[in-house]
């Protein structure tokens, strides 16, 4: 039998899931923006560097949220 989670835990999971989806969307949009910027020559290397830094920070946030949403597995 599965142990039922309290209602607030389910709400927290929904909030985390929504936040994760938002971060992944922003990450994809940054990736597309960087690709478009680097197609044009010359491009603003400083701006691209800043976008890549933001993209990396998003990737880290996504990884943290993913780990919070994954159930703990006892080996």
PDB file of N, CA and C in Angstrom:
ATOM      1  N   UNK A   1       0.819  -1.173   0.000  1.00  0.00           N
ATOM      2  CA  UNK A   1       0.000   0.000   0.000  1.00  0.00           C
ATOM      3  C   UNK A   1       0.872   1.249   0.000  1.00  0.00           C
ATOM      4  N   UNK A   2       0.481   2.229  -0.793  1.00  0.00           N
ATOM      5  CA  UNK A   2       1.242   3.467  -0.856  1.00  0.00           C
ATOM      6  C   UNK A   2       0.850   4.399   0.271  1.00  0.00           C
ATOM      7  N   UNK A   3       1.818   5.033   0.795  1.00  0.00           N
ATOM      8  CA  UNK A   3       1.587   6.010   1.844  1.00  0.00           C
ATOM      9  C   UNK A   3       1.092   7.300   1.186  1.00  0.00           C
ATOM     10  N   UNK A   4      -0.036   7.815   1.635  1.00  0.00           N
ATOM     11  CA  UNK A   4      -0.567   9.029   1.056  1.00  0.00           C
ATOM     12  C   UNK A   4       0.180  10.237   1.581  1.00  0.00           C
ATOM     13  N   UNK A   5       0.425  11.165   0.669  1.00  0.00           N
ATOM     14  CA  UNK A   5       1.092  12.384   1.057  1.00  0.00           C
ATOM     15  C   UNK A   5       0.056  13.405   1.510  1.00  0.00           C
ATOM     16  N   UNK A   6       0.430  14.245   2.454  1.00  0.00           N
ATOM     17  CA  UNK A   6      -0.491  15.299   2.874  1.00  0.00           C
ATOM     18  C   UNK A   6      -0.779  16.235   1.704  1.00  0.00           C
ATOM     19  N   UNK A   7      -1.905  16.914   1.767  1.00  0.00           N
ATOM     20  CA  UNK A   7      -2.325  17.802   0.684  1.00  0.00           C
ATOM     21  C   UNK A   7      -1.278  18.868   0.392  1.00  0.00           C
ATOM     22  N   UNK A   8      -0.657  19.417   1.418  1.00  0.00           N
ATOM     23  CA  UNK A   8       0.331  20.468   1.172  1.00  0.00           C
ATOM     24  C   UNK A   8       1.576  19.935   0.466  1.00  0.00           C
ATOM     25  N   UNK A   9       1.925  18.689   0.671  1.00  0.00           N
ATOM     26  CA  UNK A   9       3.053  18.090  -0.039  1.00  0.00           C
ATOM     27  C   UNK A   9       2.729  17.962  -1.524  1.00  0.00           C
ATOM     28  N   UNK A  10       1.483  17.626  -1.830  1.00  0.00           N
ATOM     29  CA  UNK A  10       1.062  17.536  -3.225  1.00  0.00           C
ATOM     30  C   UNK A  10       1.082  18.919  -3.865  1.00  0.00           C
ATOM     31  N   UNK A  11       0.643  19.930  -3.111  1.00  0.00           N
ATOM     32  CA  UNK A  11       0.673  21.302  -3.606  1.00  0.00           C
ATOM     33  C   UNK A  11       2.110  21.740  -3.876  1.00  0.00           C
ATOM     34  N   UNK A  12       3.010  21.390  -2.962  1.00  0.00           N
ATOM     35  CA  UNK A  12       4.418  21.732  -3.137  1.00  0.00           C
ATOM     36  C   UNK A  12       4.975  21.080  -4.393  1.00  0.00           C
ATOM     37  N   UNK A  13       4.606  19.835  -4.612  1.00  0.00           N
ATOM     38  CA  UNK A  13       5.087  19.119  -5.792  1.00  0.00           C
ATOM     39  C   UNK A  13       4.571  19.787  -7.064  1.00  0.00           C
ATOM     40  N   UNK A  14       3.320  20.212  -7.046  1.00  0.00           N
ATOM     41  CA  UNK A  14       2.756  20.901  -8.212  1.00  0.00           C
ATOM     42  C   UNK A  14       3.474  22.216  -8.472  1.00  0.00           C
ATOM     43  N   UNK A  15       3.768  22.945  -7.405  1.00  0.00           N
ATOM     44  CA  UNK A  15       4.481  24.217  -7.543  1.00  0.00           C
ATOM     45  C   UNK A  15       5.872  23.975  -8.123  1.00  0.00           C
ATOM     46  N   UNK A  16       6.565  22.967  -7.597  1.00  0.00           N
ATOM     47  CA  UNK A  16       7.903  22.640  -8.098  1.00  0.00           C
ATOM     48  C   UNK A  16       7.853  22.199  -9.559  1.00  0.00           C
ATOM     49  N   UNK A  17       6.841  21.420  -9.910  1.00  0.00           N
ATOM     50  CA  UNK A  17       6.696  20.946 -11.282  1.00  0.00           C
ATOM     51  C   UNK A  17       6.458  22.116 -12.231  1.00  0.00           C
ATOM     52  N   UNK A  18       5.608  23.060 -11.806  1.00  0.00           N
ATOM     53  CA  UNK A  18       5.354  24.244 -12.638  1.00  0.00           C
ATOM     54  C   UNK A  18       6.608  25.096 -12.790  1.00  0.00           C
ATOM     55  N   UNK A  19       7.317  25.289 -11.690  1.00  0.00           N
ATOM     56  CA  UNK A  19       8.553  26.072 -11.726  1.00  0.00           C
ATOM     57  C   UNK A  19       9.583  25.402 -12.629  1.00  0.00           C
ATOM     58  N   UNK A  20       9.668  24.084 -12.546  1.00  0.00           N
ATOM     59  CA  UNK A  20      10.592  23.333 -13.390  1.00  0.00           C
ATOM     60  C   UNK A  20      10.264  23.536 -14.864  1.00  0.00           C
ATOM     61  N   UNK A  21       8.986  23.483 -15.208  1.00  0.00           N
ATOM     62  CA  UNK A  21       8.562  23.687 -16.595  1.00  0.00           C
ATOM     63  C   UNK A  21       8.922  25.101 -17.071  1.00  0.00           C
ATOM     64  N   UNK A  22       8.731  26.089 -16.201  1.00  0.00           N
ATOM     65  CA  UNK A  22       9.078  27.473 -16.558  1.00  0.00           C
ATOM     66  C   UNK A  22      10.576  27.624 -16.804  1.00  0.00           C
ATOM     67  N   UNK A  23      11.378  27.016 -15.935  1.00  0.00           N
ATOM     68  CA  UNK A  23      12.826  27.108 -16.082  1.00  0.00           C
ATOM     69  C   UNK A  23      13.295  26.414 -17.360  1.00  0.00           C
ATOM     70  N   UNK A  24      12.716  25.255 -17.662  1.00  0.00           N
ATOM     71  CA  UNK A  24      13.093  24.542 -18.891  1.00  0.00           C
ATOM     72  C   UNK A  24      12.715  25.351 -20.124  1.00  0.00           C
ATOM     73  N   UNK A  25      11.568  26.009 -20.070  1.00  0.00           N
ATOM     74  CA  UNK A  25      11.134  26.842 -21.196  1.00  0.00           C
ATOM     75  C   UNK A  25      12.103  28.008 -21.390  1.00  0.00           C
ATOM     76  N   UNK A  26      12.457  28.673 -20.290  1.00  0.00           N
ATOM     77  CA  UNK A  26      13.397  29.791 -20.376  1.00  0.00           C
ATOM     78  C   UNK A  26      14.754  29.321 -20.890  1.00  0.00           C
ATOM     79  N   UNK A  27      15.187  28.144 -20.452  1.00  0.00           N
ATOM     80  CA  UNK A  27      16.463  27.572 -20.891  1.00  0.00           C
ATOM     81  C   UNK A  27      16.447  27.346 -22.410  1.00  0.00           C
ATOM     82  N   UNK A  28      15.344  26.770 -22.917  1.00  0.00           N
ATOM     83  CA  UNK A  28      15.210  26.549 -24.366  1.00  0.00           C
ATOM     84  C   UNK A  28      15.221  27.871 -25.135  1.00  0.00           C
ATOM     85  N   UNK A  29      14.499  28.859 -24.600  1.00  0.00           N
ATOM     86  CA  UNK A  29      14.437  30.157 -25.265  1.00  0.00           C
ATOM     87  C   UNK A  29      15.810  30.825 -25.313  1.00  0.00           C
ATOM     88  N   UNK A  30      16.565  30.712 -24.231  1.00  0.00           N
ATOM     89  CA  UNK A  30      17.922  31.262 -24.223  1.00  0.00           C
ATOM     90  C   UNK A  30      18.794  30.555 -25.245  1.00  0.00           C
ATOM     91  N   UNK A  31      18.667  29.246 -25.326  1.00  0.00           N
ATOM     92  CA  UNK A  31      19.437  28.466 -26.286  1.00  0.00           C
ATOM     93  C   UNK A  31      19.146  28.940 -27.712  1.00  0.00           C
ATOM     94  N   UNK A  32      17.864  29.136 -28.015  1.00  0.00           N
ATOM     95  CA  UNK A  32      17.476  29.612 -29.345  1.00  0.00           C
ATOM     96  C   UNK A  32      17.990  31.023 -29.599  1.00  0.00           C
ATOM     97  N   UNK A  33      17.905  31.865 -28.582  1.00  0.00           N
ATOM     98  CA  UNK A  33      18.371  33.246 -28.731  1.00  0.00           C
ATOM     99  C   UNK A  33      19.873  33.292 -28.974  1.00  0.00           C
ATOM    100  N   UNK A  34      20.623  32.487 -28.244  1.00  0.00           N
ATOM    101  CA  UNK A  34      22.075  32.432 -28.421  1.00  0.00           C
ATOM    102  C   UNK A  34      22.405  31.953 -29.829  1.00  0.00           C
ATOM    103  N   UNK A  35      21.691  30.934 -30.290  1.00  0.00           N
ATOM    104  CA  UNK A  35      21.933  30.403 -31.640  1.00  0.00           C
ATOM    105  C   UNK A  35      21.668  31.474 -32.700  1.00  0.00           C
ATOM    106  N   UNK A  36      20.568  32.205 -32.553  1.00  0.00           N
ATOM    107  CA  UNK A  36      20.252  33.267 -33.522  1.00  0.00           C
ATOM    108  C   UNK A  36      21.305  34.374 -33.495  1.00  0.00           C
ATOM    109  N   UNK A  37      21.741  34.740 -32.288  1.00  0.00           N
ATOM    110  CA  UNK A  37      22.731  35.812 -32.167  1.00  0.00           C
ATOM    111  C   UNK A  37      24.056  35.440 -32.811  1.00  0.00           C
ATOM    112  N   UNK A  38      24.465  34.202 -32.645  1.00  0.00           N
ATOM    113  CA  UNK A  38      25.776  33.796 -33.156  1.00  0.00           C
ATOM    114  C   UNK A  38      25.759  33.512 -34.660  1.00  0.00           C
ATOM    115  N   UNK A  39      24.574  33.431 -35.252  1.00  0.00           N
ATOM    116  CA  UNK A  39      24.489  33.255 -36.710  1.00  0.00           C
ATOM    117  C   UNK A  39      24.883  34.528 -37.429  1.00  0.00           C
ATOM    118  N   UNK A  40      24.565  35.674 -36.843  1.00  0.00           N
ATOM    119  CA  UNK A  40      24.877  36.964 -37.450  1.00  0.00           C
ATOM    120  C   UNK A  40      26.315  37.347 -37.110  1.00  0.00           C
ATOM    121  N   UNK A  41      27.036  37.773 -38.128  1.00  0.00           N
ATOM    122  CA  UNK A  41      28.421  38.181 -37.913  1.00  0.00           C
ATOM    123  C   UNK A  41      28.504  39.667 -38.199  1.00  0.00           C
ATOM    124  N   UNK A  42      29.094  40.477 -37.388  1.00  0.00           N
ATOM    125  CA  UNK A  42      29.637  40.157 -36.069  1.00  0.00           C
ATOM    126  C   UNK A  42      28.516  40.108 -35.029  1.00  0.00           C
ATOM    127  N   UNK A  43      28.785  39.433 -33.934  1.00  0.00           N
ATOM    128  CA  UNK A  43      27.796  39.385 -32.848  1.00  0.00           C
ATOM    129  C   UNK A  43      28.444  39.884 -31.566  1.00  0.00           C
ATOM    130  N   UNK A  44      27.613  40.282 -30.649  1.00  0.00           N
ATOM    131  CA  UNK A  44      28.058  40.841 -29.369  1.00  0.00           C
ATOM    132  C   UNK A  44      28.499  39.697 -28.452  1.00  0.00           C
ATOM    133  N   UNK A  45      29.805  39.492 -28.386  1.00  0.00           N
ATOM    134  CA  UNK A  45      30.338  38.380 -27.594  1.00  0.00           C
ATOM    135  C   UNK A  45      30.034  38.531 -26.111  1.00  0.00           C
ATOM    136  N   UNK A  46      30.039  39.750 -25.615  1.00  0.00           N
ATOM    137  CA  UNK A  46      29.753  39.972 -24.203  1.00  0.00           C
ATOM    138  C   UNK A  46      28.308  39.590 -23.881  1.00  0.00           C
ATOM    139  N   UNK A  47      27.382  39.974 -24.760  1.00  0.00           N
ATOM    140  CA  UNK A  47      25.978  39.629 -24.557  1.00  0.00           C
ATOM    141  C   UNK A  47      25.782  38.112 -24.623  1.00  0.00           C
ATOM    142  N   UNK A  48      26.433  37.459 -25.574  1.00  0.00           N
ATOM    143  CA  UNK A  48      26.335  35.996 -25.694  1.00  0.00           C
ATOM    144  C   UNK A  48      26.899  35.334 -24.444  1.00  0.00           C
ATOM    145  N   UNK A  49      28.002  35.856 -23.943  1.00  0.00           N
ATOM    146  CA  UNK A  49      28.612  35.300 -22.727  1.00  0.00           C
ATOM    147  C   UNK A  49      27.655  35.430 -21.541  1.00  0.00           C
ATOM    148  N   UNK A  50      26.994  36.566 -21.424  1.00  0.00           N
ATOM    149  CA  UNK A  50      26.032  36.763 -20.334  1.00  0.00           C
ATOM    150  C   UNK A  50      24.854  35.806 -20.460  1.00  0.00           C
ATOM    151  N   UNK A  51      24.380  35.630 -21.683  1.00  0.00           N
ATOM    152  CA  UNK A  51      23.255  34.708 -21.907  1.00  0.00           C
ATOM    153  C   UNK A  51      23.657  33.271 -21.572  1.00  0.00           C
ATOM    154  N   UNK A  52      24.859  32.892 -21.952  1.00  0.00           N
ATOM    155  CA  UNK A  52      25.333  31.539 -21.646  1.00  0.00           C
ATOM    156  C   UNK A  52      25.475  31.329 -20.137  1.00  0.00           C
ATOM    157  N   UNK A  53      25.908  32.369 -19.439  1.00  0.00           N
ATOM    158  CA  UNK A  53      26.028  32.287 -17.984  1.00  0.00           C
ATOM    159  C   UNK A  53      24.651  32.107 -17.353  1.00  0.00           C
ATOM    160  N   UNK A  54      23.667  32.852 -17.850  1.00  0.00           N
ATOM    161  CA  UNK A  54      22.292  32.725 -17.353  1.00  0.00           C
ATOM    162  C   UNK A  54      21.757  31.329 -17.659  1.00  0.00           C
ATOM    163  N   UNK A  55      22.054  30.834 -18.860  1.00  0.00           N
ATOM    164  CA  UNK A  55      21.602  29.503 -19.261  1.00  0.00           C
ATOM    165  C   UNK A  55      22.192  28.435 -18.339  1.00  0.00           C
ATOM    166  N   UNK A  56      23.447  28.580 -17.973  1.00  0.00           N
ATOM    167  CA  UNK A  56      24.094  27.622 -17.067  1.00  0.00           C
ATOM    168  C   UNK A  56      23.464  27.681 -15.677  1.00  0.00           C
ATOM    169  N   UNK A  57      23.156  28.896 -15.213  1.00  0.00           N
ATOM    170  CA  UNK A  57      22.499  29.037 -13.910  1.00  0.00           C
ATOM    171  C   UNK A  57      21.120  28.360 -13.938  1.00  0.00           C
ATOM    172  N   UNK A  58      20.408  28.506 -15.045  1.00  0.00           N
ATOM    173  CA  UNK A  58      19.109  27.849 -15.186  1.00  0.00           C
ATOM    174  C   UNK A  58      19.268  26.329 -15.153  1.00  0.00           C
ATOM    175  N   UNK A  59      20.306  25.845 -15.824  1.00  0.00           N
ATOM    176  CA  UNK A  59      20.555  24.403 -15.841  1.00  0.00           C
ATOM    177  C   UNK A  59      20.786  23.876 -14.425  1.00  0.00           C
ATOM    178  N   UNK A  60      21.512  24.633 -13.625  1.00  0.00           N
ATOM    179  CA  UNK A  60      21.751  24.246 -12.229  1.00  0.00           C
ATOM    180  C   UNK A  60      20.447  24.235 -11.430  1.00  0.00           C
ATOM    181  N   UNK A  61      19.609  25.253 -11.623  1.00  0.00           N
ATOM    182  CA  UNK A  61      18.324  25.309 -10.927  1.00  0.00           C
ATOM    183  C   UNK A  61      17.435  24.137 -11.343  1.00  0.00           C
ATOM    184  N   UNK A  62      17.453  23.818 -12.628  1.00  0.00           N
ATOM    185  CA  UNK A  62      16.661  22.698 -13.143  1.00  0.00           C
ATOM    186  C   UNK A  62      17.116  21.397 -12.490  1.00  0.00           C
ATOM    187  N   UNK A  63      18.425  21.206 -12.390  1.00  0.00           N
ATOM    188  CA  UNK A  63      18.963  19.986 -11.774  1.00  0.00           C
ATOM    189  C   UNK A  63      18.548  19.881 -10.307  1.00  0.00           C
ATOM    190  N   UNK A  64      18.577  21.013  -9.587  1.00  0.00           N
ATOM    191  CA  UNK A  64      18.176  20.992  -8.172  1.00  0.00           C
ATOM    192  C   UNK A  64      16.699  20.643  -8.028  1.00  0.00           C
ATOM    193  N   UNK A  65      15.853  21.241  -8.866  1.00  0.00           N
ATOM    194  CA  UNK A  65      14.418  20.941  -8.788  1.00  0.00           C
ATOM    195  C   UNK A  65      14.138  19.497  -9.182  1.00  0.00           C
ATOM    196  N   UNK A  66      14.848  19.018 -10.207  1.00  0.00           N
ATOM    197  CA  UNK A  66      14.686  17.617 -10.617  1.00  0.00           C
ATOM    198  C   UNK A  66      14.991  16.681  -9.453  1.00  0.00           C
ATOM    199  N   UNK A  67      16.061  16.995  -8.723  1.00  0.00           N
ATOM    200  CA  UNK A  67      16.443  16.114  -7.610  1.00  0.00           C
ATOM    201  C   UNK A  67      15.423  16.186  -6.473  1.00  0.00           C
ATOM    202  N   UNK A  68      14.797  17.349  -6.282  1.00  0.00           N
ATOM    203  CA  UNK A  68      13.757  17.463  -5.258  1.00  0.00           C
ATOM    204  C   UNK A  68      12.500  16.669  -5.633  1.00  0.00           C
ATOM    205  N   UNK A  69      12.233  16.591  -6.925  1.00  0.00           N
ATOM    206  CA  UNK A  69      11.031  15.900  -7.375  1.00  0.00           C
ATOM    207  C   UNK A  69      11.211  14.388  -7.485  1.00  0.00           C
ATOM    208  N   UNK A  70      12.458  13.952  -7.579  1.00  0.00           N
ATOM    209  CA  UNK A  70      12.714  12.515  -7.686  1.00  0.00           C
ATOM    210  C   UNK A  70      12.563  11.879  -6.312  1.00  0.00           C
ATOM    211  N   UNK A  71      11.866  10.759  -6.246  1.00  0.00           N
ATOM    212  CA  UNK A  71      11.726  10.093  -4.943  1.00  0.00           C
ATOM    213  C   UNK A  71      13.065   9.514  -4.497  1.00  0.00           C
ATOM    214  N   UNK A  72      13.284   9.504  -3.203  1.00  0.00           N
ATOM    215  CA  UNK A  72      14.500   8.903  -2.662  1.00  0.00           C
ATOM    216  C   UNK A  72      14.415   7.387  -2.838  1.00  0.00           C
ATOM    217  N   UNK A  73      15.471   6.827  -3.396  1.00  0.00           N
ATOM    218  CA  UNK A  73      15.502   5.383  -3.627  1.00  0.00           C
ATOM    219  C   UNK A  73      16.541   4.788  -2.664  1.00  0.00           C
ATOM    220  N   UNK A  74      16.091   3.880  -1.860  1.00  0.00           N
ATOM    221  CA  UNK A  74      16.990   3.219  -0.919  1.00  0.00           C
ATOM    222  C   UNK A  74      17.577   2.006  -1.600  1.00  0.00           C
ATOM    223  N   UNK A  75      18.892   2.003  -1.731  1.00  0.00           N
ATOM    224  CA  UNK A  75      19.562   0.884  -2.419  1.00  0.00           C
ATOM    225  C   UNK A  75      19.883  -0.219  -1.458  1.00  0.00           C
TER     226      UNK A  75
END
